[in-house]
């Protein structure tokens, strides 16, 4: 089963509902986990970096999607650099200018389509 982190600044009802629906719609093929930026811990040991979220290593996840990080862009960017160093797939939509809700939804859908159909990460719905 593939595992996806949905990273937000606040866990509101709409984001929790979205996560529950994605888990239902994926029919056990993908596990979506909603986490806040404040849930991450980063440890450095020499040149080695370890990132954990709610006590779990982020290396256990296949994709990280940043969703509306607001004024915490620098923290999201720092985490993205760590994720790159660990070889995790990271959605780049967050680093584009914010648009309408439909543009954000398109970016969300595009991220999962590209990830699911890429040769590097073969996956079928």
C-alpha atoms as a PDB file:
ATOM      1  CA  UNK A   1       0.000   0.000   0.000  1.00  0.00           C
ATOM      2  CA  UNK A   2       1.229   3.488  -0.892  1.00  0.00           C
ATOM      3  CA  UNK A   3       1.322   6.131   1.837  1.00  0.00           C
ATOM      4  CA  UNK A   4       0.792   9.864   1.313  1.00  0.00           C
ATOM      5  CA  UNK A   5       1.332  12.705   3.772  1.00  0.00           C
ATOM      6  CA  UNK A   6      -1.018  15.675   3.429  1.00  0.00           C
ATOM      7  CA  UNK A   7       0.745  18.554   5.208  1.00  0.00           C
ATOM      8  CA  UNK A   8      -1.254  21.566   6.459  1.00  0.00           C
ATOM      9  CA  UNK A   9      -0.911  24.305   9.079  1.00  0.00           C
ATOM     10  CA  UNK A  10      -4.251  23.522  10.754  1.00  0.00           C
ATOM     11  CA  UNK A  11      -6.412  20.404  10.764  1.00  0.00           C
ATOM     12  CA  UNK A  12      -9.839  21.873  10.027  1.00  0.00           C
ATOM     13  CA  UNK A  13     -13.030  19.893   9.476  1.00  0.00           C
ATOM     14  CA  UNK A  14     -12.848  20.244   5.667  1.00  0.00           C
ATOM     15  CA  UNK A  15      -9.292  18.896   5.546  1.00  0.00           C
ATOM     16  CA  UNK A  16     -10.183  16.004   7.848  1.00  0.00           C
ATOM     17  CA  UNK A  17     -13.204  15.236   5.658  1.00  0.00           C
ATOM     18  CA  UNK A  18     -11.050  15.348   2.508  1.00  0.00           C
ATOM     19  CA  UNK A  19      -8.580  12.908   4.076  1.00  0.00           C
ATOM     20  CA  UNK A  20     -11.344  10.503   5.118  1.00  0.00           C
ATOM     21  CA  UNK A  21     -12.895  10.620   1.611  1.00  0.00           C
ATOM     22  CA  UNK A  22      -9.530  10.029  -0.076  1.00  0.00           C
ATOM     23  CA  UNK A  23      -8.937   7.001   2.140  1.00  0.00           C
ATOM     24  CA  UNK A  24     -12.378   5.608   1.272  1.00  0.00           C
ATOM     25  CA  UNK A  25     -12.014   6.296  -2.464  1.00  0.00           C
ATOM     26  CA  UNK A  26      -8.552   4.744  -2.644  1.00  0.00           C
ATOM     27  CA  UNK A  27     -10.073   1.436  -1.500  1.00  0.00           C
ATOM     28  CA  UNK A  28      -7.056   0.424   0.565  1.00  0.00           C
ATOM     29  CA  UNK A  29      -4.522   1.058  -2.210  1.00  0.00           C
ATOM     30  CA  UNK A  30      -3.325   4.360  -0.737  1.00  0.00           C
ATOM     31  CA  UNK A  31      -3.278   5.545   2.865  1.00  0.00           C
ATOM     32  CA  UNK A  32      -3.608   9.310   3.270  1.00  0.00           C
ATOM     33  CA  UNK A  33      -2.442  10.847   6.533  1.00  0.00           C
ATOM     34  CA  UNK A  34      -3.226  14.437   7.496  1.00  0.00           C
ATOM     35  CA  UNK A  35      -0.497  16.129   9.557  1.00  0.00           C
ATOM     36  CA  UNK A  36       0.438  19.658  10.606  1.00  0.00           C
ATOM     37  CA  UNK A  37       3.790  21.306  10.000  1.00  0.00           C
ATOM     38  CA  UNK A  38       4.194  21.459  13.781  1.00  0.00           C
ATOM     39  CA  UNK A  39       3.962  17.635  13.957  1.00  0.00           C
ATOM     40  CA  UNK A  40       7.415  17.192  12.362  1.00  0.00           C
ATOM     41  CA  UNK A  41      10.708  16.744  14.171  1.00  0.00           C
ATOM     42  CA  UNK A  42      14.088  16.930  12.454  1.00  0.00           C
ATOM     43  CA  UNK A  43      17.244  15.405  13.899  1.00  0.00           C
ATOM     44  CA  UNK A  44      20.724  15.909  12.509  1.00  0.00           C
ATOM     45  CA  UNK A  45      23.534  13.489  13.252  1.00  0.00           C
ATOM     46  CA  UNK A  46      26.592  14.629  11.343  1.00  0.00           C
ATOM     47  CA  UNK A  47      25.573  14.512   7.678  1.00  0.00           C
ATOM     48  CA  UNK A  48      22.595  12.261   8.348  1.00  0.00           C
ATOM     49  CA  UNK A  49      19.123  13.749   8.738  1.00  0.00           C
ATOM     50  CA  UNK A  50      16.097  12.010  10.194  1.00  0.00           C
ATOM     51  CA  UNK A  51      12.621  13.470   9.887  1.00  0.00           C
ATOM     52  CA  UNK A  52       9.711  12.105  11.883  1.00  0.00           C
ATOM     53  CA  UNK A  53       6.043  13.006  11.909  1.00  0.00           C
ATOM     54  CA  UNK A  54       3.956  12.055  14.920  1.00  0.00           C
ATOM     55  CA  UNK A  55       6.750   9.633  15.874  1.00  0.00           C
ATOM     56  CA  UNK A  56       6.875   7.862  12.492  1.00  0.00           C
ATOM     57  CA  UNK A  57       9.780   8.159  10.059  1.00  0.00           C
ATOM     58  CA  UNK A  58       8.841  10.031   6.890  1.00  0.00           C
ATOM     59  CA  UNK A  59      10.837   7.409   4.998  1.00  0.00           C
ATOM     60  CA  UNK A  60       7.756   5.186   5.446  1.00  0.00           C
ATOM     61  CA  UNK A  61       5.812   7.472   3.086  1.00  0.00           C
ATOM     62  CA  UNK A  62       5.849   7.579  -0.714  1.00  0.00           C
ATOM     63  CA  UNK A  63       4.643  11.121  -1.380  1.00  0.00           C
ATOM     64  CA  UNK A  64       4.409  14.387   0.535  1.00  0.00           C
ATOM     65  CA  UNK A  65       1.797  16.942  -0.505  1.00  0.00           C
ATOM     66  CA  UNK A  66       1.881  20.406   1.065  1.00  0.00           C
ATOM     67  CA  UNK A  67      -1.606  21.916   1.184  1.00  0.00           C
ATOM     68  CA  UNK A  68      -2.034  25.569   2.173  1.00  0.00           C
ATOM     69  CA  UNK A  69       0.908  26.231   4.444  1.00  0.00           C
ATOM     70  CA  UNK A  70       0.191  29.979   4.552  1.00  0.00           C
ATOM     71  CA  UNK A  71       2.859  32.061   6.244  1.00  0.00           C
ATOM     72  CA  UNK A  72       4.938  28.977   7.084  1.00  0.00           C
ATOM     73  CA  UNK A  73       6.442  28.720   3.587  1.00  0.00           C
ATOM     74  CA  UNK A  74      10.022  28.821   4.901  1.00  0.00           C
ATOM     75  CA  UNK A  75       9.343  25.845   7.186  1.00  0.00           C
ATOM     76  CA  UNK A  76       7.682  23.951   4.328  1.00  0.00           C
ATOM     77  CA  UNK A  77      10.659  24.749   2.088  1.00  0.00           C
ATOM     78  CA  UNK A  78      13.127  23.521   4.711  1.00  0.00           C
ATOM     79  CA  UNK A  79      11.184  20.284   5.117  1.00  0.00           C
ATOM     80  CA  UNK A  80      11.049  19.849   1.322  1.00  0.00           C
ATOM     81  CA  UNK A  81      14.859  20.059   1.199  1.00  0.00           C
ATOM     82  CA  UNK A  82      15.071  17.352   3.876  1.00  0.00           C
ATOM     83  CA  UNK A  83      12.553  15.206   1.967  1.00  0.00           C
ATOM     84  CA  UNK A  84      14.607  15.586  -1.215  1.00  0.00           C
ATOM     85  CA  UNK A  85      17.710  14.461   0.677  1.00  0.00           C
ATOM     86  CA  UNK A  86      15.787  11.388   1.867  1.00  0.00           C
ATOM     87  CA  UNK A  87      14.599  10.595  -1.666  1.00  0.00           C
ATOM     88  CA  UNK A  88      10.899  11.275  -1.038  1.00  0.00           C
ATOM     89  CA  UNK A  89       8.570  12.518  -3.771  1.00  0.00           C
ATOM     90  CA  UNK A  90       7.373  16.038  -2.902  1.00  0.00           C
ATOM     91  CA  UNK A  91       4.569  17.982  -4.544  1.00  0.00           C
ATOM     92  CA  UNK A  92       5.890  21.229  -5.990  1.00  0.00           C
ATOM     93  CA  UNK A  93       2.479  22.932  -6.214  1.00  0.00           C
ATOM     94  CA  UNK A  94       3.037  24.704  -2.925  1.00  0.00           C
ATOM     95  CA  UNK A  95       5.886  26.698  -4.395  1.00  0.00           C
ATOM     96  CA  UNK A  96       3.670  28.141  -7.138  1.00  0.00           C
ATOM     97  CA  UNK A  97       1.536  31.275  -6.665  1.00  0.00           C
ATOM     98  CA  UNK A  98      -1.812  30.600  -5.014  1.00  0.00           C
ATOM     99  CA  UNK A  99      -4.825  30.742  -7.274  1.00  0.00           C
ATOM    100  CA  UNK A 100      -8.505  30.067  -7.071  1.00  0.00           C
ATOM    101  CA  UNK A 101      -9.917  26.978  -5.384  1.00  0.00           C
ATOM    102  CA  UNK A 102     -10.327  25.306  -8.770  1.00  0.00           C
ATOM    103  CA  UNK A 103      -6.642  25.950  -9.614  1.00  0.00           C
ATOM    104  CA  UNK A 104      -5.612  24.454  -6.270  1.00  0.00           C
ATOM    105  CA  UNK A 105      -7.856  21.430  -6.857  1.00  0.00           C
ATOM    106  CA  UNK A 106      -6.308  20.994 -10.319  1.00  0.00           C
ATOM    107  CA  UNK A 107      -2.809  21.094  -8.805  1.00  0.00           C
ATOM    108  CA  UNK A 108      -3.879  18.488  -6.236  1.00  0.00           C
ATOM    109  CA  UNK A 109      -5.314  16.205  -8.935  1.00  0.00           C
ATOM    110  CA  UNK A 110      -2.336  16.785 -11.231  1.00  0.00           C
ATOM    111  CA  UNK A 111       0.109  15.868  -8.454  1.00  0.00           C
ATOM    112  CA  UNK A 112      -1.566  12.517  -7.861  1.00  0.00           C
ATOM    113  CA  UNK A 113      -1.987  11.754 -11.561  1.00  0.00           C
ATOM    114  CA  UNK A 114       1.692  12.397 -12.295  1.00  0.00           C
ATOM    115  CA  UNK A 115       2.782  10.473  -9.208  1.00  0.00           C
ATOM    116  CA  UNK A 116       0.478   7.532  -9.900  1.00  0.00           C
ATOM    117  CA  UNK A 117       1.443   7.212 -13.564  1.00  0.00           C
ATOM    118  CA  UNK A 118       5.155   7.968 -13.413  1.00  0.00           C
ATOM    119  CA  UNK A 119       7.600   5.297 -14.489  1.00  0.00           C
ATOM    120  CA  UNK A 120       9.593   5.871 -11.303  1.00  0.00           C
ATOM    121  CA  UNK A 121       6.561   5.062  -9.163  1.00  0.00           C
ATOM    122  CA  UNK A 122       4.310   2.678 -11.074  1.00  0.00           C
ATOM    123  CA  UNK A 123       0.887   2.557  -9.470  1.00  0.00           C
ATOM    124  CA  UNK A 124      -2.589   1.803 -10.721  1.00  0.00           C
ATOM    125  CA  UNK A 125      -5.818   2.987  -9.113  1.00  0.00           C
END
